[in-house]
Amino acid sequence: MTKDNQDRSIAPHRNDADEGRRTGPIRDPLASMTDALGDDPSLGELLAFRGSAPDLAIFAREAKRCDDEADRLPYSREQTHEIRMARVGLKIVGLSCTAMVAVWPTDTVADADAKQALARETRMHGDDTDYRIAPMLSVEDASRIRLHRAAFAVGERIVPPEPAAPAMSERGLATWPLSRFDLVDTVPLAGGDAILDSTQIARWAAFVDTYPTLSDLVDRFARMIATADRLMVLADTTAKDPRLLRRAAEGARILAYLAAARAAIWPAMRYSADAEAKLRLVALVNERASRPDPLHLQAAIRHVVSQANWIAKGFRLGATLELDPEWIPIV
């Protein structure tokens, strides 16, 4: 998705027919961003993809919207299979949007705002502990917190200051801005019944049936990473002006990590080919720990793997693979 069509929702939450649009299946947002390039993109296609400028604020908004709506769906022993699958579908799309925000580099201040806003909304329990409480955190929790921070890090770009505090004579304090981009203001959490009607629940449940082949996604990760590595070598050894090759390498690397995120997010049944693909993905991502891939990319996949376990529990509790890898430390 680019800024040319930013008025469209990534994940529809009501009948599109009500707004005069054709109702169709819900698409994986990561697939929508990457499938058009195929498995053997040209140099020009990689450069175009790197410059495609997705609107990360939209992805951040949709991540919160999907998670909020999934939490509103009834959760009890009496819930139907369709409602349970709709919740899984919402969680998959929400985490896919989160992965997009984390993986895409910080190109603009608006990108930094989106990353920081989603980081605030998804921060983990214990993230705000002070120096007296922090030693009480488990090693695992502390590692997850640091990975989450690294996944949404905006780099060393200078970001403008947040909105100023009100002066003594200021009014409108009930709506005084807390930050330049606030997801709570954009998508406020509302109680009550779910927004989705029965038709939309059926659409979200059907989305879970559009299961990707995880081994293909892991193969794509390996292929795009190899492409990025070779382009970087060529940029350093054969090009008089290496900037284009390095930018194309960035595009290939982003494609690789988006494919890795999709493979990490979608659940896999135990002892299946998909489960084997997930284990291979862990090994490949671990292999990148000592490579020059940006830290936020490596942290993003580790964070997504951890969060995807909640999707696995809702998909087939006890029968779905849950990953707790022994990651090579990067933070």
Protein backbone atom coordinates (compact mmCIF):
# COMPACT_ATOMS: atom_id res chain seq x y z
CA MET A 1 0.00 0.00 0.00
CA THR A 2 1.28 3.44 -0.91
CA LYS A 3 0.26 6.94 -0.05
CA ASP A 4 -1.73 7.15 -3.32
CA ASN A 5 -4.52 4.98 -1.89
CA GLN A 6 -4.27 5.69 1.80
CA ASP A 7 -8.04 6.20 2.17
CA ARG A 8 -8.61 2.44 1.81
CA SER A 9 -8.65 0.10 4.77
CA ILE A 10 -6.19 -2.77 4.75
CA ALA A 11 -8.56 -4.91 6.79
CA PRO A 12 -12.31 -4.23 6.26
CA HIS A 13 -14.35 -4.35 9.45
CA ARG A 14 -17.83 -3.87 8.04
CA ASN A 15 -19.68 -4.82 4.87
CA ASP A 16 -18.09 -3.05 1.94
CA ALA A 17 -21.44 -3.35 0.17
CA ASP A 18 -22.78 -0.79 2.65
CA GLU A 19 -20.34 1.74 1.16
CA GLY A 20 -20.97 0.85 -2.48
CA ARG A 21 -17.88 -1.34 -2.84
CA ARG A 22 -17.79 -4.94 -4.00
CA THR A 23 -17.41 -7.41 -1.17
CA GLY A 24 -14.45 -9.74 -1.66
CA PRO A 25 -12.07 -11.93 0.30
CA ILE A 26 -9.71 -10.41 2.85
CA ARG A 27 -6.08 -10.44 1.74
CA ASP A 28 -2.92 -10.86 3.71
CA PRO A 29 -1.42 -7.33 3.82
CA LEU A 30 2.14 -8.64 3.52
CA ALA A 31 1.19 -10.69 0.48
CA SER A 32 -0.46 -7.63 -1.08
CA MET A 33 2.80 -5.71 -0.69
CA THR A 34 5.17 -8.35 -2.05
CA ASP A 35 3.49 -10.92 -4.31
CA ALA A 36 3.59 -8.76 -7.44
CA LEU A 37 7.39 -8.98 -7.54
CA GLY A 38 7.62 -12.75 -7.92
CA ASP A 39 10.56 -14.88 -6.82
CA ASP A 40 13.19 -13.48 -9.19
CA PRO A 41 12.83 -9.68 -9.27
CA SER A 42 14.99 -7.55 -11.52
CA LEU A 43 17.27 -4.79 -10.32
CA GLY A 44 14.73 -2.21 -11.45
CA GLU A 45 11.92 -3.96 -9.59
CA LEU A 46 13.95 -4.06 -6.38
CA LEU A 47 14.68 -0.35 -6.67
CA ALA A 48 11.01 0.41 -7.33
CA PHE A 49 9.95 -1.68 -4.34
CA ARG A 50 12.44 0.05 -2.05
CA GLY A 51 11.05 3.38 -3.15
CA SER A 52 7.39 2.35 -2.93
CA ALA A 53 6.92 4.23 0.37
CA PRO A 54 4.13 2.37 2.20
CA ASP A 55 2.20 4.52 4.66
CA LEU A 56 3.27 3.01 7.97
CA ALA A 57 0.69 5.08 9.85
CA ILE A 58 -2.06 3.11 8.06
CA PHE A 59 -0.42 -0.20 8.93
CA ALA A 60 -0.01 0.88 12.56
CA ARG A 61 -3.66 1.95 12.71
CA GLU A 62 -4.85 -1.33 11.20
CA ALA A 63 -2.68 -3.34 13.59
CA LYS A 64 -4.41 -1.73 16.56
CA ARG A 65 -7.86 -1.97 14.94
CA CYS A 66 -7.52 -5.70 14.26
CA ASP A 67 -6.25 -6.45 17.76
CA ASP A 68 -9.03 -4.39 19.35
CA GLU A 69 -11.73 -6.13 17.33
CA ALA A 70 -10.28 -9.59 18.01
CA ASP A 71 -10.48 -8.84 21.74
CA ARG A 72 -14.14 -7.83 21.42
CA LEU A 73 -15.24 -11.14 19.94
CA PRO A 74 -16.89 -13.41 22.54
CA TYR A 75 -14.43 -15.77 24.17
CA SER A 76 -15.98 -18.73 25.97
CA ARG A 77 -16.53 -22.46 25.69
CA GLU A 78 -19.74 -21.72 23.81
CA GLN A 79 -18.02 -19.78 21.03
CA THR A 80 -18.49 -21.17 17.54
CA HIS A 81 -15.66 -22.43 15.35
CA GLU A 82 -16.37 -19.57 12.94
CA ILE A 83 -15.92 -16.94 15.65
CA ARG A 84 -12.68 -18.60 16.84
CA MET A 85 -11.29 -18.61 13.28
CA ALA A 86 -12.39 -14.99 12.80
CA ARG A 87 -10.37 -14.07 15.90
CA VAL A 88 -7.37 -15.95 14.50
CA GLY A 89 -7.76 -14.14 11.18
CA LEU A 90 -7.88 -10.76 12.90
CA LYS A 91 -4.78 -11.61 14.94
CA ILE A 92 -2.89 -12.76 11.82
CA VAL A 93 -3.65 -9.55 9.92
CA GLY A 94 -2.94 -7.42 12.99
CA LEU A 95 0.46 -9.03 13.53
CA SER A 96 1.18 -8.81 9.78
CA CYS A 97 0.57 -5.05 9.90
CA THR A 98 2.79 -4.85 12.99
CA ALA A 99 5.54 -6.73 11.12
CA MET A 100 5.28 -4.27 8.22
CA VAL A 101 5.76 -1.31 10.57
CA ALA A 102 8.72 -2.97 12.28
CA VAL A 103 10.49 -4.25 9.15
CA TRP A 104 10.24 -1.20 6.88
CA PRO A 105 13.13 1.24 7.42
CA THR A 106 12.57 4.69 8.92
CA ASP A 107 12.64 6.89 5.82
CA THR A 108 10.69 9.87 7.14
CA VAL A 109 9.64 11.48 10.39
CA ALA A 110 6.11 10.17 9.73
CA ASP A 111 7.55 6.63 9.65
CA ALA A 112 9.28 7.26 12.96
CA ASP A 113 6.00 8.51 14.46
CA ALA A 114 4.15 5.36 13.30
CA LYS A 115 6.82 3.08 14.73
CA GLN A 116 6.92 4.89 18.05
CA ALA A 117 3.12 4.99 18.31
CA LEU A 118 2.77 1.25 17.67
CA ALA A 119 5.63 0.54 20.06
CA ARG A 120 3.74 2.42 22.80
CA GLU A 121 0.54 0.45 22.10
CA THR A 122 2.23 -2.96 22.01
CA ARG A 123 4.86 -2.55 24.72
CA MET A 124 5.24 -5.54 26.97
CA HIS A 125 4.46 -5.92 30.64
CA GLY A 126 7.47 -4.75 32.62
CA ASP A 127 8.73 -2.36 29.96
CA ASP A 128 8.20 0.64 32.24
CA THR A 129 9.83 -0.83 35.36
CA ASP A 130 12.24 1.44 37.19
CA TYR A 131 15.73 0.52 38.36
CA ARG A 132 14.43 -0.91 41.64
CA ILE A 133 11.96 -3.31 40.01
CA ALA A 134 13.89 -4.26 36.88
CA PRO A 135 16.09 -6.88 38.63
CA MET A 136 12.90 -8.80 39.46
CA LEU A 137 12.21 -9.47 35.75
CA SER A 138 12.98 -12.93 34.44
CA VAL A 139 15.75 -13.26 31.86
CA GLU A 140 13.16 -14.27 29.26
CA ASP A 141 10.93 -11.25 29.91
CA ALA A 142 13.87 -8.86 29.87
CA SER A 143 15.03 -10.31 26.54
CA ARG A 144 11.55 -9.95 25.02
CA ILE A 145 11.34 -6.34 26.16
CA ARG A 146 14.69 -5.49 24.58
CA LEU A 147 13.75 -7.27 21.34
CA HIS A 148 10.49 -5.34 21.22
CA ARG A 149 12.33 -2.04 21.68
CA ALA A 150 14.88 -2.97 19.01
CA ALA A 151 12.17 -4.06 16.55
CA PHE A 152 10.55 -0.60 16.62
CA ALA A 153 13.72 1.46 16.97
CA VAL A 154 13.74 4.46 14.66
CA GLY A 155 17.50 4.67 14.36
CA GLU A 156 19.58 7.77 14.82
CA ARG A 157 17.36 10.07 12.78
CA ILE A 158 16.68 13.36 14.56
CA VAL A 159 12.94 13.43 15.36
CA PRO A 160 11.22 16.76 16.13
CA PRO A 161 10.12 17.32 19.73
CA GLU A 162 6.70 16.14 20.91
CA PRO A 163 3.87 18.70 21.32
CA ALA A 164 4.56 21.33 23.94
CA ALA A 165 2.87 21.35 27.33
CA PRO A 166 -0.07 23.78 27.57
CA ALA A 167 0.52 27.30 28.81
CA MET A 168 -1.43 28.73 31.72
CA SER A 169 -4.01 30.39 29.44
CA GLU A 170 -4.51 27.44 27.07
CA ARG A 171 -7.89 25.74 26.69
CA GLY A 172 -8.98 22.55 24.95
CA LEU A 173 -7.00 20.51 27.47
CA ALA A 174 -9.31 17.48 27.12
CA THR A 175 -8.02 16.97 23.59
CA TRP A 176 -4.49 18.32 24.03
CA PRO A 177 -2.19 16.25 21.77
CA LEU A 178 0.11 13.84 23.58
CA SER A 179 2.25 13.08 20.53
CA ARG A 180 2.41 13.84 16.82
CA PHE A 181 0.69 10.54 15.99
CA ASP A 182 -1.36 8.79 18.66
CA LEU A 183 -3.00 5.46 17.86
CA VAL A 184 -5.43 5.82 20.77
CA ASP A 185 -6.78 9.02 19.20
CA THR A 186 -6.84 7.41 15.75
CA VAL A 187 -8.47 4.12 16.77
CA PRO A 188 -9.94 4.52 20.26
CA LEU A 189 -10.64 1.31 22.14
CA ALA A 190 -14.40 1.05 22.65
CA GLY A 191 -16.22 -1.45 24.84
CA GLY A 192 -19.46 -3.21 24.10
CA ASP A 193 -20.33 -5.72 21.44
CA ALA A 194 -18.14 -6.56 18.48
CA ILE A 195 -18.39 -4.31 15.44
CA LEU A 196 -18.29 -7.28 13.06
CA ASP A 197 -21.62 -8.67 11.94
CA SER A 198 -22.18 -12.31 10.96
CA THR A 199 -21.19 -11.67 7.34
CA GLN A 200 -17.89 -10.09 8.32
CA ILE A 201 -17.16 -12.83 10.85
CA ALA A 202 -17.60 -15.36 8.05
CA ARG A 203 -15.21 -13.36 5.85
CA TRP A 204 -12.55 -13.28 8.56
CA ALA A 205 -12.98 -16.99 9.23
CA ALA A 206 -12.63 -17.68 5.50
CA PHE A 207 -9.41 -15.64 5.44
CA VAL A 208 -7.76 -18.24 7.69
CA ASP A 209 -8.41 -20.84 4.98
CA THR A 210 -6.20 -18.91 2.51
CA TYR A 211 -3.16 -20.52 4.07
CA PRO A 212 0.21 -19.80 2.41
CA THR A 213 2.77 -22.51 1.77
CA LEU A 214 5.30 -21.78 4.51
CA SER A 215 8.15 -23.66 2.82
CA ASP A 216 7.78 -21.34 -0.20
CA LEU A 217 8.02 -18.32 2.08
CA VAL A 218 11.15 -19.68 3.79
CA ASP A 219 12.67 -20.39 0.36
CA ARG A 220 11.87 -16.82 -0.62
CA PHE A 221 13.58 -15.53 2.51
CA ALA A 222 16.73 -17.49 1.69
CA ARG A 223 16.69 -16.40 -1.97
CA MET A 224 16.16 -12.70 -1.25
CA ILE A 225 18.84 -12.69 1.45
CA ALA A 226 21.29 -14.29 -0.98
CA THR A 227 20.33 -11.64 -3.55
CA ALA A 228 20.91 -8.83 -1.05
CA ASP A 229 24.30 -10.24 -0.02
CA ARG A 230 25.48 -10.56 -3.63
CA LEU A 231 24.31 -7.07 -4.54
CA MET A 232 26.27 -5.65 -1.60
CA VAL A 233 29.41 -7.47 -2.75
CA LEU A 234 28.90 -6.21 -6.31
CA ALA A 235 28.36 -2.68 -5.01
CA ASP A 236 31.67 -2.80 -3.15
CA THR A 237 33.76 -4.42 -5.91
CA THR A 238 32.43 -3.63 -9.40
CA ALA A 239 30.32 -0.47 -9.33
CA LYS A 240 31.73 3.03 -9.80
CA ASP A 241 28.62 4.39 -8.09
CA PRO A 242 27.47 1.74 -5.60
CA ARG A 243 24.40 3.63 -4.35
CA LEU A 244 21.87 2.03 -6.71
CA LEU A 245 23.10 -1.50 -6.02
CA ARG A 246 23.04 -0.88 -2.28
CA ARG A 247 19.50 0.49 -2.43
CA ALA A 248 18.40 -2.53 -4.49
CA ALA A 249 20.04 -4.72 -1.86
CA GLU A 250 17.94 -2.94 0.77
CA GLY A 251 14.82 -3.76 -1.25
CA ALA A 252 15.79 -7.43 -1.47
CA ARG A 253 16.52 -7.54 2.25
CA ILE A 254 13.14 -6.00 3.11
CA LEU A 255 11.41 -8.53 0.84
CA ALA A 256 13.29 -11.31 2.63
CA TYR A 257 12.26 -10.24 6.10
CA LEU A 258 8.64 -9.64 5.09
CA ALA A 259 8.54 -13.21 3.77
CA ALA A 260 10.10 -14.39 7.04
CA ALA A 261 7.44 -12.49 8.99
CA ARG A 262 4.62 -14.18 7.03
CA ALA A 263 6.15 -17.60 7.66
CA ALA A 264 6.50 -16.82 11.35
CA ILE A 265 2.96 -15.47 11.77
CA TRP A 266 0.87 -18.19 10.15
CA PRO A 267 0.32 -21.23 12.42
CA ALA A 268 1.63 -24.72 11.59
CA MET A 269 0.40 -28.08 12.79
CA ARG A 270 2.92 -30.16 14.72
CA TYR A 271 4.96 -32.71 12.74
CA SER A 272 3.90 -31.18 9.41
CA ALA A 273 5.90 -29.81 6.48
CA ASP A 274 4.89 -26.33 7.62
CA ALA A 275 6.33 -27.02 11.08
CA GLU A 276 9.61 -28.12 9.47
CA ALA A 277 9.62 -24.90 7.43
CA LYS A 278 9.24 -22.83 10.61
CA LEU A 279 12.15 -24.63 12.25
CA ARG A 280 14.25 -24.02 9.14
CA LEU A 281 13.29 -20.35 9.28
CA VAL A 282 14.55 -20.12 12.87
CA ALA A 283 17.88 -21.63 11.80
CA LEU A 284 18.20 -19.21 8.85
CA VAL A 285 17.34 -16.16 10.97
CA ASN A 286 19.81 -17.27 13.64
CA GLU A 287 22.43 -17.51 10.90
CA ARG A 288 21.95 -13.79 10.22
CA ALA A 289 22.79 -12.81 13.81
CA SER A 290 26.41 -12.07 12.95
CA ARG A 291 25.65 -10.58 9.50
CA PRO A 292 25.31 -6.86 8.75
CA ASP A 293 21.50 -6.97 8.51
CA PRO A 294 20.02 -3.97 10.38
CA LEU A 295 19.26 -4.74 14.00
CA HIS A 296 15.59 -3.80 13.72
CA LEU A 297 15.06 -6.46 11.02
CA GLN A 298 16.54 -9.25 13.10
CA ALA A 299 14.70 -8.11 16.22
CA ALA A 300 11.41 -7.81 14.31
CA ILE A 301 11.38 -11.48 13.32
CA ARG A 302 12.28 -12.63 16.82
CA HIS A 303 9.48 -10.45 18.23
CA VAL A 304 6.96 -11.73 15.67
CA VAL A 305 7.86 -15.37 16.41
CA SER A 306 7.11 -14.78 20.08
CA GLN A 307 3.79 -13.01 19.41
CA ALA A 308 2.69 -15.62 16.86
CA ASN A 309 2.53 -18.22 19.64
CA TRP A 310 -0.71 -16.56 20.81
CA ILE A 311 -2.16 -17.10 17.35
CA ALA A 312 -1.05 -20.75 17.45
CA LYS A 313 -2.86 -21.27 20.76
CA GLY A 314 -6.10 -19.94 19.31
CA PHE A 315 -5.78 -21.93 16.09
CA ARG A 316 -5.47 -25.46 17.48
CA LEU A 317 -4.53 -25.46 21.15
CA GLY A 318 -2.02 -28.22 21.83
CA ALA A 319 -1.85 -29.34 18.19
CA THR A 320 -0.12 -26.29 16.74
CA LEU A 321 3.63 -25.70 16.83
CA GLU A 322 4.71 -23.06 19.35
CA LEU A 323 8.26 -21.81 18.97
CA ASP A 324 10.59 -20.88 21.80
CA PRO A 325 13.91 -20.81 19.92
CA GLU A 326 17.36 -20.51 21.42
CA TRP A 327 18.15 -17.29 19.63
CA ILE A 328 21.72 -16.15 19.24
CA PRO A 329 21.72 -12.90 21.28
CA ILE A 330 21.67 -9.70 19.21
CA VAL A 331 20.63 -7.17 21.88
